[in-house]
């Protein structure tokens, strides 16, 4: 086999791999839509569940939104601040390399382990109970490494000329970071936050151990109240209900819609800041 034939062969394999990656998401969405569209109705979206397969998923839908919003509120500022420190202030030494190693390792820890930590430390030791607050704090631990790594890389790729020009005009280092570096890195930072939110909205193990059973028939009235969630509801219906498969697919379809809404909104926001950065 000559080199030209090998090149065509490898290129075909790469095209096939790329095409398969593109096809997987539409196939999953179409499959869920076909099986779950029959469950969608106004009552399904606005009523609480009753005996799992009766009623609707309103508390679970709102609970998932609350969990993702609150965990992002905890993780995003801390993650961005950590990324600023690592990229702009931390010296390149063993300590900084160790911090980065632990951050990357945290991203790979199984979610059930984080959930167990949240159960023991937040629920039992800090007496937060199985609640919205305990679930959101546990989810923020899972989101944190994704936000830190993506934000750090986004800050690093900002041209050094931007920093030097700002400092030459008399700005302090913090003013340069706040007014020059962060706006330039904002599209990448938004991507990192989005990755964390995407992980959080579909999480089951952490929520199961720290937030609630998933079958709650009420919207949490306080941070220390248990909360339902779509992933836990889907798990319960799919594994415990005898005739609730369509309800599970319906809830999964709503969960996908929420995830795509977050993704599209973040993409539009990122493109807006890119156009603003390029002066368009």
Protein backbone atom coordinates (compact mmCIF):
# COMPACT_ATOMS: atom_id res chain seq x y z
CA UNK A 1 0.00 0.00 0.00
CA UNK A 2 1.59 3.27 -1.12
CA UNK A 3 1.52 6.51 0.87
CA UNK A 4 -1.24 8.10 -1.22
CA UNK A 5 -3.54 5.13 -0.59
CA UNK A 6 -2.71 5.19 3.12
CA UNK A 7 -3.58 8.90 3.22
CA UNK A 8 -6.97 8.25 1.64
CA UNK A 9 -7.59 5.35 4.02
CA UNK A 10 -6.79 7.39 7.13
CA UNK A 11 -8.83 10.33 5.86
CA UNK A 12 -11.84 8.04 5.32
CA UNK A 13 -11.50 6.72 8.87
CA UNK A 14 -11.37 10.25 10.25
CA UNK A 15 -14.43 11.29 8.25
CA UNK A 16 -16.28 8.20 9.52
CA UNK A 17 -15.34 8.96 13.13
CA UNK A 18 -16.41 12.59 12.74
CA UNK A 19 -19.68 11.60 11.10
CA UNK A 20 -20.43 9.08 13.85
CA UNK A 21 -19.82 11.73 16.51
CA UNK A 22 -22.23 14.09 14.78
CA UNK A 23 -24.90 11.42 14.33
CA UNK A 24 -24.99 10.16 17.94
CA UNK A 25 -26.69 13.23 19.47
CA UNK A 26 -29.53 13.49 16.90
CA UNK A 27 -30.16 9.74 17.17
CA UNK A 28 -30.50 9.95 20.97
CA UNK A 29 -32.71 13.05 20.82
CA UNK A 30 -34.97 11.55 18.12
CA UNK A 31 -35.25 8.25 20.01
CA UNK A 32 -36.24 10.03 23.25
CA UNK A 33 -38.64 12.33 21.37
CA UNK A 34 -40.43 9.44 19.65
CA UNK A 35 -40.89 7.56 22.92
CA UNK A 36 -41.64 10.54 25.15
CA UNK A 37 -43.70 12.95 23.03
CA UNK A 38 -46.91 11.11 23.93
CA UNK A 39 -46.41 11.90 27.62
CA UNK A 40 -46.11 15.66 27.11
CA UNK A 41 -49.13 17.71 28.06
CA UNK A 42 -49.95 20.83 30.04
CA UNK A 43 -50.77 18.70 33.09
CA UNK A 44 -47.51 16.78 32.74
CA UNK A 45 -45.55 20.04 32.90
CA UNK A 46 -47.57 21.78 35.62
CA UNK A 47 -48.71 19.09 38.09
CA UNK A 48 -46.76 17.27 40.81
CA UNK A 49 -46.22 13.52 40.50
CA UNK A 50 -48.55 11.05 42.15
CA UNK A 51 -47.50 7.43 42.52
CA UNK A 52 -44.64 8.14 40.11
CA UNK A 53 -46.48 7.51 36.83
CA UNK A 54 -49.48 9.73 37.55
CA UNK A 55 -49.58 13.50 37.55
CA UNK A 56 -46.67 15.51 36.20
CA UNK A 57 -43.08 16.59 36.75
CA UNK A 58 -43.38 20.25 37.72
CA UNK A 59 -41.53 20.01 41.09
CA UNK A 60 -38.79 17.90 39.48
CA UNK A 61 -38.36 20.37 36.62
CA UNK A 62 -38.15 23.38 38.95
CA UNK A 63 -35.92 21.45 41.34
CA UNK A 64 -33.41 20.70 38.58
CA UNK A 65 -33.34 24.37 37.59
CA UNK A 66 -32.82 25.41 41.22
CA UNK A 67 -29.99 22.90 41.70
CA UNK A 68 -28.13 23.92 38.55
CA UNK A 69 -28.58 27.66 39.17
CA UNK A 70 -27.48 27.47 42.81
CA UNK A 71 -24.51 25.19 42.13
CA UNK A 72 -23.37 27.51 39.32
CA UNK A 73 -23.70 30.45 41.71
CA UNK A 74 -21.31 28.68 44.08
CA UNK A 75 -18.88 27.15 41.57
CA UNK A 76 -18.51 29.84 38.88
CA UNK A 77 -17.09 32.72 41.01
CA UNK A 78 -14.77 30.38 42.93
CA UNK A 79 -13.63 28.63 39.77
CA UNK A 80 -12.96 31.86 37.88
CA UNK A 81 -11.13 33.38 40.87
CA UNK A 82 -8.98 30.24 41.17
CA UNK A 83 -8.20 30.37 37.45
CA UNK A 84 -7.15 34.02 37.72
CA UNK A 85 -4.80 33.16 40.58
CA UNK A 86 -3.26 30.16 38.80
CA UNK A 87 -2.74 31.97 35.51
CA UNK A 88 -1.81 35.49 36.68
CA UNK A 89 -0.36 35.29 40.19
CA UNK A 90 0.81 31.78 41.07
CA UNK A 91 4.53 31.08 40.50
CA UNK A 92 5.44 28.08 38.38
CA UNK A 93 6.62 25.80 41.17
CA UNK A 94 5.84 22.44 42.73
CA UNK A 95 2.94 23.81 44.78
CA UNK A 96 1.19 25.27 41.73
CA UNK A 97 1.76 22.09 39.74
CA UNK A 98 0.33 20.07 42.64
CA UNK A 99 -2.76 22.30 42.75
CA UNK A 100 -3.30 21.76 39.01
CA UNK A 101 -2.83 18.01 39.42
CA UNK A 102 -5.45 17.83 42.17
CA UNK A 103 -7.82 20.00 40.13
CA UNK A 104 -7.53 17.70 37.13
CA UNK A 105 -7.90 14.63 39.37
CA UNK A 106 -11.06 16.08 40.93
CA UNK A 107 -12.63 16.24 37.47
CA UNK A 108 -12.16 12.49 37.13
CA UNK A 109 -13.46 11.40 40.53
CA UNK A 110 -16.65 9.30 40.22
CA UNK A 111 -19.70 11.35 41.10
CA UNK A 112 -20.85 8.75 43.64
CA UNK A 113 -17.73 9.51 45.69
CA UNK A 114 -18.52 13.23 45.69
CA UNK A 115 -22.09 12.36 46.65
CA UNK A 116 -20.86 10.20 49.54
CA UNK A 117 -18.64 13.06 50.74
CA UNK A 118 -21.59 15.45 50.52
CA UNK A 119 -23.77 13.01 52.46
CA UNK A 120 -21.27 12.53 55.29
CA UNK A 121 -19.86 16.07 55.54
CA UNK A 122 -22.68 18.37 54.45
CA UNK A 123 -25.78 16.38 55.39
CA UNK A 124 -24.58 14.68 58.60
CA UNK A 125 -21.62 16.68 59.97
CA UNK A 126 -22.85 20.18 59.06
CA UNK A 127 -26.50 19.22 59.62
CA UNK A 128 -27.68 20.65 56.30
CA UNK A 129 -30.09 17.71 55.95
CA UNK A 130 -30.98 16.18 52.61
CA UNK A 131 -31.77 19.49 50.97
CA UNK A 132 -31.48 21.86 48.05
CA UNK A 133 -28.46 23.53 49.69
CA UNK A 134 -26.58 20.28 50.32
CA UNK A 135 -27.28 19.09 46.78
CA UNK A 136 -26.19 22.37 45.20
CA UNK A 137 -22.97 22.52 47.24
CA UNK A 138 -22.13 18.94 46.29
CA UNK A 139 -22.82 19.63 42.62
CA UNK A 140 -20.61 22.74 42.79
CA UNK A 141 -17.70 20.52 43.88
CA UNK A 142 -18.18 18.49 40.70
CA UNK A 143 -18.47 21.63 38.55
CA UNK A 144 -15.43 23.38 40.04
CA UNK A 145 -12.57 21.63 38.18
CA UNK A 146 -14.27 22.06 34.78
CA UNK A 147 -14.70 25.77 35.42
CA UNK A 148 -11.15 26.22 36.70
CA UNK A 149 -9.40 24.42 33.85
CA UNK A 150 -11.44 25.99 31.04
CA UNK A 151 -11.15 29.48 32.56
CA UNK A 152 -7.42 29.14 33.13
CA UNK A 153 -6.82 28.08 29.53
CA UNK A 154 -9.01 30.94 28.26
CA UNK A 155 -7.04 33.46 30.33
CA UNK A 156 -3.69 32.04 29.20
CA UNK A 157 -4.45 32.51 25.50
CA UNK A 158 -5.12 36.24 25.91
CA UNK A 159 -2.14 37.89 24.13
CA UNK A 160 0.52 39.27 26.46
CA UNK A 161 0.50 42.47 24.40
CA UNK A 162 -2.92 43.27 25.88
CA UNK A 163 -1.50 43.14 29.39
CA UNK A 164 1.63 45.11 28.52
CA UNK A 165 -0.35 47.84 26.77
CA UNK A 166 -2.67 48.23 29.75
CA UNK A 167 0.21 48.35 32.23
CA UNK A 168 2.04 50.85 30.04
CA UNK A 169 -0.98 53.16 30.24
CA UNK A 170 -0.73 53.21 34.03
CA UNK A 171 -3.27 50.55 34.98
CA UNK A 172 -2.53 48.30 37.93
CA UNK A 173 -2.27 44.55 37.50
CA UNK A 174 -5.72 43.99 39.00
CA UNK A 175 -7.26 46.67 36.79
CA UNK A 176 -5.61 45.02 33.79
CA UNK A 177 -7.02 41.63 34.75
CA UNK A 178 -10.49 42.99 35.45
CA UNK A 179 -10.86 45.32 32.46
CA UNK A 180 -8.66 43.74 29.79
CA UNK A 181 -7.90 40.07 30.45
CA UNK A 182 -11.30 38.88 31.71
CA UNK A 183 -13.33 40.51 28.88
CA UNK A 184 -10.96 38.98 26.32
CA UNK A 185 -11.18 35.54 27.96
CA UNK A 186 -14.92 35.69 28.61
CA UNK A 187 -15.99 33.43 25.68
CA UNK A 188 -13.74 30.63 26.96
CA UNK A 189 -14.84 31.20 30.56
CA UNK A 190 -18.49 30.92 29.52
CA UNK A 191 -17.66 27.63 27.79
CA UNK A 192 -16.13 26.30 31.01
CA UNK A 193 -19.16 27.29 33.07
CA UNK A 194 -21.40 25.67 30.44
CA UNK A 195 -19.45 22.40 30.69
CA UNK A 196 -19.99 22.39 34.43
CA UNK A 197 -23.70 23.16 34.10
CA UNK A 198 -24.09 20.38 31.54
CA UNK A 199 -22.52 17.94 34.00
CA UNK A 200 -24.71 19.16 36.84
CA UNK A 201 -28.09 19.10 35.14
CA UNK A 202 -27.88 15.40 34.34
CA UNK A 203 -26.26 14.23 37.57
CA UNK A 204 -28.06 11.51 39.52
CA UNK A 205 -25.80 9.96 42.17
CA UNK A 206 -24.91 13.22 43.94
CA UNK A 207 -28.51 14.41 43.99
CA UNK A 208 -29.75 11.05 45.22
CA UNK A 209 -27.45 11.16 48.26
CA UNK A 210 -27.71 14.86 49.14
CA UNK A 211 -30.76 16.58 47.62
CA UNK A 212 -33.79 14.31 47.68
CA UNK A 213 -35.43 11.10 46.58
CA UNK A 214 -36.64 12.48 43.25
CA UNK A 215 -40.32 11.80 43.88
CA UNK A 216 -41.05 14.94 45.93
CA UNK A 217 -44.45 16.42 45.10
CA UNK A 218 -43.54 19.98 46.05
CA UNK A 219 -41.23 22.80 45.01
CA UNK A 220 -38.67 23.49 47.78
CA UNK A 221 -39.71 26.52 49.82
CA UNK A 222 -36.29 26.98 51.42
CA UNK A 223 -32.66 26.00 50.94
CA UNK A 224 -32.95 23.32 53.62
CA UNK A 225 -35.96 21.60 52.06
CA UNK A 226 -35.48 18.42 50.01
CA UNK A 227 -35.96 18.83 46.29
CA UNK A 228 -36.97 16.62 43.41
CA UNK A 229 -34.99 16.49 40.18
CA UNK A 230 -35.55 15.18 36.69
CA UNK A 231 -32.60 12.72 36.60
CA UNK A 232 -33.71 11.06 39.85
CA UNK A 233 -37.34 10.96 38.72
CA UNK A 234 -36.33 9.31 35.44
CA UNK A 235 -34.28 6.72 37.34
CA UNK A 236 -37.12 5.94 39.74
CA UNK A 237 -39.76 5.62 37.02
CA UNK A 238 -37.54 3.55 34.75
CA UNK A 239 -36.52 1.10 37.49
CA UNK A 240 -39.48 0.95 39.87
CA UNK A 241 -42.65 1.69 37.90
CA UNK A 242 -44.20 -1.24 36.08
CA UNK A 243 -45.84 0.82 33.32
CA UNK A 244 -44.11 4.19 33.42
CA UNK A 245 -41.66 4.02 30.54
CA UNK A 246 -43.43 6.76 28.60
CA UNK A 247 -43.32 9.05 31.66
CA UNK A 248 -39.58 8.41 31.95
CA UNK A 249 -39.03 9.28 28.29
CA UNK A 250 -41.23 12.37 28.65
CA UNK A 251 -39.17 13.58 31.60
CA UNK A 252 -35.98 12.79 29.66
CA UNK A 253 -37.27 14.88 26.75
CA UNK A 254 -37.86 17.83 29.09
CA UNK A 255 -34.38 17.34 30.57
CA UNK A 256 -32.83 17.42 27.09
CA UNK A 257 -34.83 20.56 26.28
CA UNK A 258 -33.50 22.26 29.42
CA UNK A 259 -29.93 21.25 28.59
CA UNK A 260 -30.23 22.48 24.99
CA UNK A 261 -31.75 25.75 26.21
CA UNK A 262 -28.75 26.31 28.47
CA UNK A 263 -26.35 25.35 25.66
CA UNK A 264 -27.97 27.60 23.05
CA UNK A 265 -28.18 30.53 25.47
CA UNK A 266 -24.53 30.15 26.43
CA UNK A 267 -23.53 29.84 22.76
CA UNK A 268 -25.39 33.03 21.85
CA UNK A 269 -23.82 34.81 24.82
CA UNK A 270 -20.35 33.59 23.86
CA UNK A 271 -20.81 34.72 20.24
CA UNK A 272 -22.01 38.10 21.46
CA UNK A 273 -18.85 38.64 23.48
CA UNK A 274 -16.69 37.38 20.59
CA UNK A 275 -18.25 39.93 18.22
CA UNK A 276 -17.88 42.63 20.86
CA UNK A 277 -14.22 41.68 21.37
CA UNK A 278 -13.57 41.81 17.62
CA UNK A 279 -15.22 45.22 17.38
CA UNK A 280 -18.09 44.12 15.13
